[in-house]
């Protein structure tokens, strides 16, 4: 699941949809060339293995109580995802998105198109993208 990290109560929006506790942290996917501007590290982190302290005050929905965020650095090798985040950046001047697993608390990650569509139809999610198919409410 992806969300605009600039949404003031974005963390509450996602927690409500996922039916999860408020204390759980979220991750972010960021264009690789902006990592050192938004985090206290320059590490290449394509698999979200590490955390960094966030350096921007307006990203509360991705920042855990200890000031960190588990982030994914996205480069042009991941072309489709890179281009999605880049288009978001061009519109908002924010080079990252909140990124969390597509599941409900206590349940496994969605593994079929049918599961994803059912969840979408019964949730407050606005848009579902599967491959080149876009579903909107």
C-alpha atoms as a PDB file:
ATOM      1  CA  UNK A   1       0.000   0.000   0.000  1.00  0.00           C
ATOM      2  CA  UNK A   2       1.258   3.447  -0.875  1.00  0.00           C
ATOM      3  CA  UNK A   3       0.241   6.805   0.558  1.00  0.00           C
ATOM      4  CA  UNK A   4       1.190  10.437   0.158  1.00  0.00           C
ATOM      5  CA  UNK A   5       3.431  11.018   3.231  1.00  0.00           C
ATOM      6  CA  UNK A   6       2.480  14.685   3.364  1.00  0.00           C
ATOM      7  CA  UNK A   7      -1.067  13.860   4.472  1.00  0.00           C
ATOM      8  CA  UNK A   8      -1.191  15.152   8.031  1.00  0.00           C
ATOM      9  CA  UNK A   9      -3.106  12.208   9.476  1.00  0.00           C
ATOM     10  CA  UNK A  10      -1.839   9.665   6.941  1.00  0.00           C
ATOM     11  CA  UNK A  11      -0.722   7.285   9.650  1.00  0.00           C
ATOM     12  CA  UNK A  12      -4.251   7.185  11.077  1.00  0.00           C
ATOM     13  CA  UNK A  13      -5.743   6.657   7.616  1.00  0.00           C
ATOM     14  CA  UNK A  14      -3.536   3.617   6.954  1.00  0.00           C
ATOM     15  CA  UNK A  15      -3.957   2.227  10.465  1.00  0.00           C
ATOM     16  CA  UNK A  16      -7.739   2.396  10.084  1.00  0.00           C
ATOM     17  CA  UNK A  17      -7.647   0.622   6.705  1.00  0.00           C
ATOM     18  CA  UNK A  18      -5.206  -2.042   7.937  1.00  0.00           C
ATOM     19  CA  UNK A  19      -6.901  -2.337  11.350  1.00  0.00           C
ATOM     20  CA  UNK A  20      -3.599  -2.112  13.182  1.00  0.00           C
ATOM     21  CA  UNK A  21      -2.199  -0.507  16.305  1.00  0.00           C
ATOM     22  CA  UNK A  22      -1.084   3.120  16.183  1.00  0.00           C
ATOM     23  CA  UNK A  23       2.398   2.425  17.588  1.00  0.00           C
ATOM     24  CA  UNK A  24       3.538   0.345  14.607  1.00  0.00           C
ATOM     25  CA  UNK A  25       5.981   2.149  12.300  1.00  0.00           C
ATOM     26  CA  UNK A  26       5.666   2.567   8.549  1.00  0.00           C
ATOM     27  CA  UNK A  27       8.309   2.467   5.869  1.00  0.00           C
ATOM     28  CA  UNK A  28       8.962   4.705   2.912  1.00  0.00           C
ATOM     29  CA  UNK A  29      10.194   4.308  -0.638  1.00  0.00           C
ATOM     30  CA  UNK A  30      12.413   7.176  -1.759  1.00  0.00           C
ATOM     31  CA  UNK A  31      14.224   8.068  -4.956  1.00  0.00           C
ATOM     32  CA  UNK A  32      17.821   7.021  -4.312  1.00  0.00           C
ATOM     33  CA  UNK A  33      19.247  10.432  -5.184  1.00  0.00           C
ATOM     34  CA  UNK A  34      17.292  12.067  -2.325  1.00  0.00           C
ATOM     35  CA  UNK A  35      18.182   9.680   0.516  1.00  0.00           C
ATOM     36  CA  UNK A  36      20.819  11.919   2.118  1.00  0.00           C
ATOM     37  CA  UNK A  37      18.456  14.912   1.963  1.00  0.00           C
ATOM     38  CA  UNK A  38      15.656  13.139   3.865  1.00  0.00           C
ATOM     39  CA  UNK A  39      17.621  10.773   6.123  1.00  0.00           C
ATOM     40  CA  UNK A  40      20.821  10.939   8.161  1.00  0.00           C
ATOM     41  CA  UNK A  41      22.502   8.385   5.905  1.00  0.00           C
ATOM     42  CA  UNK A  42      23.602   7.879   2.317  1.00  0.00           C
ATOM     43  CA  UNK A  43      23.271   4.103   2.420  1.00  0.00           C
ATOM     44  CA  UNK A  44      21.817   2.331  -0.611  1.00  0.00           C
ATOM     45  CA  UNK A  45      18.905   0.395   0.896  1.00  0.00           C
ATOM     46  CA  UNK A  46      16.891  -1.267  -1.917  1.00  0.00           C
ATOM     47  CA  UNK A  47      15.455  -4.005   0.328  1.00  0.00           C
ATOM     48  CA  UNK A  48      14.375  -1.904   3.348  1.00  0.00           C
ATOM     49  CA  UNK A  49      16.916  -3.601   5.596  1.00  0.00           C
ATOM     50  CA  UNK A  50      18.029  -0.484   7.456  1.00  0.00           C
ATOM     51  CA  UNK A  51      16.576   2.577   9.141  1.00  0.00           C
ATOM     52  CA  UNK A  52      17.654   6.184   9.079  1.00  0.00           C
ATOM     53  CA  UNK A  53      16.701   9.191  11.154  1.00  0.00           C
ATOM     54  CA  UNK A  54      14.340  11.418   9.219  1.00  0.00           C
ATOM     55  CA  UNK A  55      15.535  14.978   8.714  1.00  0.00           C
ATOM     56  CA  UNK A  56      12.230  16.570   7.650  1.00  0.00           C
ATOM     57  CA  UNK A  57       9.591  17.649  10.167  1.00  0.00           C
ATOM     58  CA  UNK A  58       6.652  17.364   7.751  1.00  0.00           C
ATOM     59  CA  UNK A  59       6.871  13.568   7.397  1.00  0.00           C
ATOM     60  CA  UNK A  60       5.322  12.468  10.676  1.00  0.00           C
ATOM     61  CA  UNK A  61       3.357   9.620   9.094  1.00  0.00           C
ATOM     62  CA  UNK A  62       6.563   7.775   8.140  1.00  0.00           C
ATOM     63  CA  UNK A  63       8.568   8.754  11.218  1.00  0.00           C
ATOM     64  CA  UNK A  64       8.525   6.375  14.190  1.00  0.00           C
ATOM     65  CA  UNK A  65       8.525   7.682  17.778  1.00  0.00           C
ATOM     66  CA  UNK A  66      12.320   7.292  17.890  1.00  0.00           C
ATOM     67  CA  UNK A  67      12.734   9.576  14.845  1.00  0.00           C
ATOM     68  CA  UNK A  68      13.611   6.798  12.408  1.00  0.00           C
ATOM     69  CA  UNK A  69      12.076   5.279   9.308  1.00  0.00           C
ATOM     70  CA  UNK A  70      12.793   1.991   7.567  1.00  0.00           C
ATOM     71  CA  UNK A  71      13.231   3.172   4.011  1.00  0.00           C
ATOM     72  CA  UNK A  72      13.745   1.690   0.572  1.00  0.00           C
ATOM     73  CA  UNK A  73      16.021   3.521  -1.819  1.00  0.00           C
ATOM     74  CA  UNK A  74      14.628   3.165  -5.348  1.00  0.00           C
ATOM     75  CA  UNK A  75      16.825   3.617  -8.393  1.00  0.00           C
ATOM     76  CA  UNK A  76      16.313   3.349 -12.155  1.00  0.00           C
ATOM     77  CA  UNK A  77      16.922  -0.422 -12.034  1.00  0.00           C
ATOM     78  CA  UNK A  78      13.394  -0.609 -10.601  1.00  0.00           C
ATOM     79  CA  UNK A  79      12.129   1.460 -13.526  1.00  0.00           C
ATOM     80  CA  UNK A  80       8.351   1.309 -13.074  1.00  0.00           C
ATOM     81  CA  UNK A  81       8.421   2.071  -9.358  1.00  0.00           C
ATOM     82  CA  UNK A  82      11.120   4.716  -9.818  1.00  0.00           C
ATOM     83  CA  UNK A  83       8.994   6.460 -12.453  1.00  0.00           C
ATOM     84  CA  UNK A  84       5.906   6.352 -10.223  1.00  0.00           C
ATOM     85  CA  UNK A  85       7.753   8.015  -7.351  1.00  0.00           C
ATOM     86  CA  UNK A  86       9.392  10.487  -9.745  1.00  0.00           C
ATOM     87  CA  UNK A  87       5.995  11.541 -11.109  1.00  0.00           C
ATOM     88  CA  UNK A  88       4.771  11.989  -7.525  1.00  0.00           C
ATOM     89  CA  UNK A  89       7.863  14.121  -6.850  1.00  0.00           C
ATOM     90  CA  UNK A  90       7.224  16.258  -9.936  1.00  0.00           C
ATOM     91  CA  UNK A  91       3.720  17.030  -8.644  1.00  0.00           C
ATOM     92  CA  UNK A  92       4.482  17.474  -4.944  1.00  0.00           C
ATOM     93  CA  UNK A  93       8.239  18.106  -4.628  1.00  0.00           C
ATOM     94  CA  UNK A  94       8.310  15.133  -2.233  1.00  0.00           C
ATOM     95  CA  UNK A  95      10.510  12.260  -3.523  1.00  0.00           C
ATOM     96  CA  UNK A  96       9.060   9.525  -1.331  1.00  0.00           C
ATOM     97  CA  UNK A  97       5.906   7.572  -0.585  1.00  0.00           C
ATOM     98  CA  UNK A  98       4.737   5.805   2.541  1.00  0.00           C
ATOM     99  CA  UNK A  99       5.083   2.103   1.744  1.00  0.00           C
ATOM    100  CA  UNK A 100       3.521  -0.688   3.774  1.00  0.00           C
ATOM    101  CA  UNK A 101       2.461  -4.261   3.159  1.00  0.00           C
ATOM    102  CA  UNK A 102      -0.897  -4.925   1.528  1.00  0.00           C
ATOM    103  CA  UNK A 103      -2.650  -6.772   4.325  1.00  0.00           C
ATOM    104  CA  UNK A 104      -4.952  -6.389   7.307  1.00  0.00           C
ATOM    105  CA  UNK A 105      -3.516  -6.752  10.809  1.00  0.00           C
ATOM    106  CA  UNK A 106      -3.095 -10.410  11.700  1.00  0.00           C
ATOM    107  CA  UNK A 107      -3.644 -11.645   8.136  1.00  0.00           C
ATOM    108  CA  UNK A 108      -1.137 -12.636   5.465  1.00  0.00           C
ATOM    109  CA  UNK A 109      -0.200 -10.279   2.633  1.00  0.00           C
ATOM    110  CA  UNK A 110      -2.628 -10.340  -0.296  1.00  0.00           C
ATOM    111  CA  UNK A 111      -1.451 -13.040  -2.675  1.00  0.00           C
ATOM    112  CA  UNK A 112      -4.069 -13.099  -5.434  1.00  0.00           C
ATOM    113  CA  UNK A 113      -5.808 -10.560  -7.609  1.00  0.00           C
ATOM    114  CA  UNK A 114      -9.147 -11.713  -6.208  1.00  0.00           C
ATOM    115  CA  UNK A 115      -8.013 -11.079  -2.610  1.00  0.00           C
ATOM    116  CA  UNK A 116      -6.764  -7.622  -3.560  1.00  0.00           C
ATOM    117  CA  UNK A 117     -10.007  -6.696  -5.325  1.00  0.00           C
ATOM    118  CA  UNK A 118     -12.147  -7.965  -2.451  1.00  0.00           C
ATOM    119  CA  UNK A 119     -10.107  -5.979   0.060  1.00  0.00           C
ATOM    120  CA  UNK A 120     -10.303  -2.898  -2.159  1.00  0.00           C
ATOM    121  CA  UNK A 121     -14.081  -3.202  -2.539  1.00  0.00           C
ATOM    122  CA  UNK A 122     -14.573  -3.524   1.231  1.00  0.00           C
ATOM    123  CA  UNK A 123     -12.143  -0.850   2.392  1.00  0.00           C
ATOM    124  CA  UNK A 124     -11.590   2.877   2.242  1.00  0.00           C
ATOM    125  CA  UNK A 125      -8.796   2.540  -0.317  1.00  0.00           C
ATOM    126  CA  UNK A 126      -9.296   5.022  -3.190  1.00  0.00           C
ATOM    127  CA  UNK A 127      -7.327   3.335  -5.967  1.00  0.00           C
ATOM    128  CA  UNK A 128      -6.028  -0.169  -6.622  1.00  0.00           C
ATOM    129  CA  UNK A 129      -3.397  -0.798  -9.277  1.00  0.00           C
ATOM    130  CA  UNK A 130      -2.606  -4.326 -10.428  1.00  0.00           C
ATOM    131  CA  UNK A 131      -0.157  -4.409 -13.314  1.00  0.00           C
ATOM    132  CA  UNK A 132      -1.569  -2.008 -15.898  1.00  0.00           C
ATOM    133  CA  UNK A 133      -5.115  -2.173 -14.508  1.00  0.00           C
ATOM    134  CA  UNK A 134      -6.339   0.771 -12.415  1.00  0.00           C
ATOM    135  CA  UNK A 135      -9.467   0.460 -10.260  1.00  0.00           C
ATOM    136  CA  UNK A 136     -10.992   3.610  -8.769  1.00  0.00           C
ATOM    137  CA  UNK A 137     -13.937   4.204  -6.477  1.00  0.00           C
END
